[in-house]
Amino acid sequence: MSGVQATAVEAALREALQPLQLQVQDDSHLHAGHAGAREGRHFSVRITSARFTGLSRVARHRLVYDALRSLMPAGIHALAIEAHAPGEP
């Protein structure tokens, strides 16, 4: 499958959010055969950043999507996000 690679997602998030912890996983193989699989890759992101301190879950997700804005049309179909501030479980 072509499209965006996990390394590109990771680089964009590191640049925009300076995470203390970051894990990007390509889950595309789990979605092979479903209709959206042809539209792009599926990723799971676990990220801890001081930028998330005091923000709601929705605001944190918006920051992640903003960081990946240029990659979305290049082939990200789905994104599962776990976004934490430092010290949160």
N, C-alpha and C. Protein backbone atom coordinates (compact mmCIF):
# COMPACT_ATOMS: atom_id res chain seq x y z
N MET A 1 0.85 -1.18 0.00
CA MET A 1 0.00 0.00 0.00
C MET A 1 0.89 1.24 0.00
N SER A 2 0.59 2.17 -0.84
CA SER A 2 1.37 3.40 -0.90
C SER A 2 0.76 4.45 0.01
N GLY A 3 1.30 5.64 -0.04
CA GLY A 3 0.75 6.72 0.77
C GLY A 3 1.71 7.14 1.86
N VAL A 4 1.17 7.79 2.84
CA VAL A 4 1.94 8.34 3.96
C VAL A 4 2.53 7.20 4.79
N GLN A 5 3.77 7.39 5.21
CA GLN A 5 4.43 6.40 6.06
C GLN A 5 4.43 6.89 7.51
N ALA A 6 4.53 5.97 8.44
CA ALA A 6 4.54 6.30 9.87
C ALA A 6 5.68 7.26 10.20
N THR A 7 6.81 7.16 9.52
CA THR A 7 7.93 8.05 9.79
C THR A 7 7.58 9.50 9.47
N ALA A 8 6.79 9.73 8.44
CA ALA A 8 6.37 11.09 8.09
C ALA A 8 5.41 11.64 9.13
N VAL A 9 4.50 10.80 9.62
CA VAL A 9 3.56 11.20 10.67
C VAL A 9 4.36 11.57 11.92
N GLU A 10 5.31 10.72 12.28
CA GLU A 10 6.12 10.97 13.46
C GLU A 10 6.91 12.28 13.33
N ALA A 11 7.52 12.51 12.20
CA ALA A 11 8.32 13.72 11.99
C ALA A 11 7.46 14.98 12.11
N ALA A 12 6.27 14.95 11.53
CA ALA A 12 5.38 16.12 11.58
C ALA A 12 4.94 16.40 13.01
N LEU A 13 4.62 15.35 13.77
CA LEU A 13 4.19 15.53 15.15
C LEU A 13 5.34 16.02 16.03
N ARG A 14 6.54 15.50 15.80
CA ARG A 14 7.71 15.95 16.58
C ARG A 14 7.99 17.43 16.33
N GLU A 15 7.90 17.84 15.08
CA GLU A 15 8.17 19.24 14.74
C GLU A 15 7.14 20.18 15.35
N ALA A 16 5.88 19.82 15.27
CA ALA A 16 4.80 20.72 15.69
C ALA A 16 4.56 20.72 17.20
N LEU A 17 4.73 19.56 17.84
CA LEU A 17 4.28 19.44 19.23
C LEU A 17 5.39 19.12 20.24
N GLN A 18 6.61 18.94 19.79
CA GLN A 18 7.75 18.64 20.66
C GLN A 18 7.37 17.64 21.76
N PRO A 19 6.93 16.45 21.38
CA PRO A 19 6.44 15.50 22.38
C PRO A 19 7.55 14.96 23.29
N LEU A 20 7.16 14.67 24.52
CA LEU A 20 8.05 13.99 25.45
C LEU A 20 8.06 12.50 25.15
N GLN A 21 6.92 12.00 24.70
CA GLN A 21 6.79 10.61 24.28
C GLN A 21 5.93 10.59 23.03
N LEU A 22 6.29 9.69 22.11
CA LEU A 22 5.52 9.56 20.87
C LEU A 22 5.64 8.15 20.33
N GLN A 23 4.50 7.59 20.00
CA GLN A 23 4.45 6.28 19.34
C GLN A 23 3.45 6.39 18.20
N VAL A 24 3.91 6.09 16.99
CA VAL A 24 3.05 6.08 15.82
C VAL A 24 3.07 4.67 15.26
N GLN A 25 1.89 4.11 15.09
CA GLN A 25 1.77 2.74 14.59
C GLN A 25 0.89 2.72 13.35
N ASP A 26 1.37 2.07 12.32
CA ASP A 26 0.59 1.91 11.09
C ASP A 26 -0.29 0.68 11.26
N ASP A 27 -1.60 0.90 11.35
CA ASP A 27 -2.57 -0.18 11.54
C ASP A 27 -3.27 -0.58 10.25
N SER A 28 -2.74 -0.15 9.13
CA SER A 28 -3.41 -0.37 7.84
C SER A 28 -3.69 -1.84 7.57
N HIS A 29 -2.76 -2.70 7.96
CA HIS A 29 -2.94 -4.14 7.70
C HIS A 29 -4.18 -4.70 8.39
N LEU A 30 -4.62 -4.06 9.46
CA LEU A 30 -5.81 -4.51 10.18
C LEU A 30 -7.10 -4.15 9.45
N HIS A 31 -7.00 -3.27 8.47
CA HIS A 31 -8.18 -2.77 7.77
C HIS A 31 -8.22 -3.18 6.31
N ALA A 32 -7.33 -4.06 5.91
CA ALA A 32 -7.28 -4.51 4.52
C ALA A 32 -8.64 -5.08 4.13
N GLY A 33 -9.12 -4.65 2.98
CA GLY A 33 -10.39 -5.16 2.48
C GLY A 33 -11.59 -4.30 2.81
N HIS A 34 -11.47 -3.39 3.77
CA HIS A 34 -12.62 -2.54 4.03
C HIS A 34 -12.56 -1.33 3.11
N ALA A 35 -13.70 -0.75 2.83
CA ALA A 35 -13.83 0.27 1.78
C ALA A 35 -12.83 1.42 1.94
N GLY A 36 -12.62 1.91 3.14
CA GLY A 36 -11.72 3.03 3.34
C GLY A 36 -10.26 2.70 3.16
N ALA A 37 -9.92 1.42 3.16
CA ALA A 37 -8.52 1.03 3.04
C ALA A 37 -7.91 1.51 1.73
N ARG A 38 -8.71 1.67 0.71
CA ARG A 38 -8.20 2.15 -0.58
C ARG A 38 -7.95 3.65 -0.55
N GLU A 39 -8.53 4.35 0.41
CA GLU A 39 -8.42 5.80 0.48
C GLU A 39 -7.21 6.27 1.26
N GLY A 40 -6.50 5.38 1.93
CA GLY A 40 -5.32 5.78 2.68
C GLY A 40 -5.04 4.86 3.84
N ARG A 41 -4.02 5.22 4.58
CA ARG A 41 -3.55 4.39 5.68
C ARG A 41 -4.26 4.73 6.98
N HIS A 42 -4.19 3.77 7.91
CA HIS A 42 -4.77 3.91 9.24
C HIS A 42 -3.62 3.97 10.25
N PHE A 43 -3.63 4.95 11.13
CA PHE A 43 -2.58 5.10 12.13
C PHE A 43 -3.16 5.22 13.52
N SER A 44 -2.39 4.73 14.50
CA SER A 44 -2.64 4.97 15.92
C SER A 44 -1.51 5.83 16.43
N VAL A 45 -1.85 6.87 17.18
CA VAL A 45 -0.86 7.79 17.73
C VAL A 45 -1.05 7.88 19.23
N ARG A 46 0.02 7.66 19.97
CA ARG A 46 0.06 7.91 21.42
C ARG A 46 1.10 8.99 21.62
N ILE A 47 0.69 10.11 22.20
CA ILE A 47 1.58 11.25 22.31
C ILE A 47 1.41 11.95 23.65
N THR A 48 2.53 12.34 24.24
CA THR A 48 2.54 13.14 25.45
C THR A 48 3.30 14.42 25.14
N SER A 49 2.64 15.55 25.36
CA SER A 49 3.26 16.84 25.05
C SER A 49 2.79 17.89 26.06
N ALA A 50 3.70 18.77 26.45
CA ALA A 50 3.34 19.88 27.33
C ALA A 50 2.32 20.81 26.66
N ARG A 51 2.27 20.78 25.34
CA ARG A 51 1.30 21.62 24.61
C ARG A 51 -0.15 21.25 24.95
N PHE A 52 -0.37 20.05 25.48
CA PHE A 52 -1.72 19.59 25.79
C PHE A 52 -2.19 19.99 27.20
N THR A 53 -1.30 20.54 28.00
CA THR A 53 -1.64 20.90 29.38
C THR A 53 -2.81 21.88 29.40
N GLY A 54 -3.84 21.52 30.16
CA GLY A 54 -5.00 22.39 30.32
C GLY A 54 -5.99 22.35 29.17
N LEU A 55 -5.73 21.55 28.15
CA LEU A 55 -6.63 21.48 27.00
C LEU A 55 -7.59 20.30 27.10
N SER A 56 -8.76 20.47 26.53
CA SER A 56 -9.73 19.38 26.46
C SER A 56 -9.25 18.33 25.47
N ARG A 57 -9.89 17.19 25.51
CA ARG A 57 -9.56 16.11 24.58
C ARG A 57 -9.73 16.58 23.13
N VAL A 58 -10.80 17.29 22.86
CA VAL A 58 -11.07 17.78 21.51
C VAL A 58 -9.98 18.75 21.06
N ALA A 59 -9.58 19.67 21.94
CA ALA A 59 -8.54 20.64 21.59
C ALA A 59 -7.20 19.94 21.33
N ARG A 60 -6.91 18.90 22.09
CA ARG A 60 -5.68 18.13 21.88
C ARG A 60 -5.72 17.46 20.51
N HIS A 61 -6.84 16.87 20.17
CA HIS A 61 -6.97 16.20 18.88
C HIS A 61 -6.84 17.20 17.73
N ARG A 62 -7.39 18.39 17.94
CA ARG A 62 -7.26 19.43 16.90
C ARG A 62 -5.80 19.78 16.66
N LEU A 63 -5.00 19.86 17.73
CA LEU A 63 -3.58 20.15 17.56
C LEU A 63 -2.88 19.04 16.76
N VAL A 64 -3.25 17.80 17.03
CA VAL A 64 -2.66 16.68 16.28
C VAL A 64 -3.07 16.76 14.80
N TYR A 65 -4.35 16.96 14.55
CA TYR A 65 -4.81 17.08 13.16
C TYR A 65 -4.17 18.27 12.45
N ASP A 66 -4.01 19.39 13.15
CA ASP A 66 -3.35 20.55 12.55
C ASP A 66 -1.91 20.22 12.17
N ALA A 67 -1.23 19.47 13.04
CA ALA A 67 0.16 19.10 12.77
C ALA A 67 0.27 18.20 11.54
N LEU A 68 -0.79 17.44 11.26
CA LEU A 68 -0.77 16.48 10.15
C LEU A 68 -1.53 16.98 8.92
N ARG A 69 -1.96 18.21 8.96
CA ARG A 69 -2.79 18.77 7.89
C ARG A 69 -2.23 18.53 6.48
N SER A 70 -0.95 18.73 6.29
CA SER A 70 -0.37 18.57 4.95
C SER A 70 -0.29 17.11 4.53
N LEU A 71 -0.32 16.19 5.48
CA LEU A 71 -0.22 14.76 5.16
C LEU A 71 -1.58 14.12 4.89
N MET A 72 -2.64 14.72 5.39
CA MET A 72 -3.97 14.11 5.26
C MET A 72 -4.34 13.81 3.81
N PRO A 73 -4.23 14.76 2.91
CA PRO A 73 -4.62 14.46 1.53
C PRO A 73 -3.66 13.50 0.84
N ALA A 74 -2.48 13.31 1.42
CA ALA A 74 -1.49 12.41 0.82
C ALA A 74 -1.75 10.95 1.15
N GLY A 75 -2.74 10.69 2.02
CA GLY A 75 -3.07 9.29 2.26
C GLY A 75 -3.27 8.86 3.69
N ILE A 76 -3.82 9.71 4.55
CA ILE A 76 -4.23 9.26 5.88
C ILE A 76 -5.74 9.15 5.85
N HIS A 77 -6.24 7.94 6.04
CA HIS A 77 -7.69 7.71 6.03
C HIS A 77 -8.26 7.76 7.44
N ALA A 78 -7.52 7.21 8.41
CA ALA A 78 -8.03 7.14 9.78
C ALA A 78 -6.90 7.36 10.76
N LEU A 79 -7.26 7.98 11.89
CA LEU A 79 -6.28 8.32 12.91
C LEU A 79 -6.90 8.09 14.28
N ALA A 80 -6.32 7.18 15.05
CA ALA A 80 -6.74 6.96 16.44
C ALA A 80 -5.72 7.69 17.31
N ILE A 81 -6.20 8.56 18.19
CA ILE A 81 -5.30 9.44 18.95
C ILE A 81 -5.50 9.24 20.45
N GLU A 82 -4.37 9.05 21.16
CA GLU A 82 -4.31 9.14 22.62
C GLU A 82 -3.36 10.27 22.91
N ALA A 83 -3.87 11.40 23.40
CA ALA A 83 -3.06 12.59 23.63
C ALA A 83 -3.09 12.94 25.11
N HIS A 84 -1.91 13.01 25.73
CA HIS A 84 -1.79 13.27 27.15
C HIS A 84 -0.85 14.44 27.41
N ALA A 85 -1.11 15.14 28.51
CA ALA A 85 -0.17 16.14 29.04
C ALA A 85 0.78 15.39 29.97
N PRO A 86 1.96 15.93 30.21
CA PRO A 86 2.90 15.28 31.14
C PRO A 86 2.25 15.04 32.50
N GLY A 87 2.51 13.87 33.05
CA GLY A 87 1.96 13.51 34.37
C GLY A 87 0.61 12.85 34.33
N GLU A 88 -0.04 12.84 33.17
CA GLU A 88 -1.33 12.16 33.05
C GLU A 88 -1.11 10.69 32.73
N PRO A 89 -2.01 9.83 33.21
CA PRO A 89 -1.87 8.39 32.91
C PRO A 89 -2.11 8.07 31.45
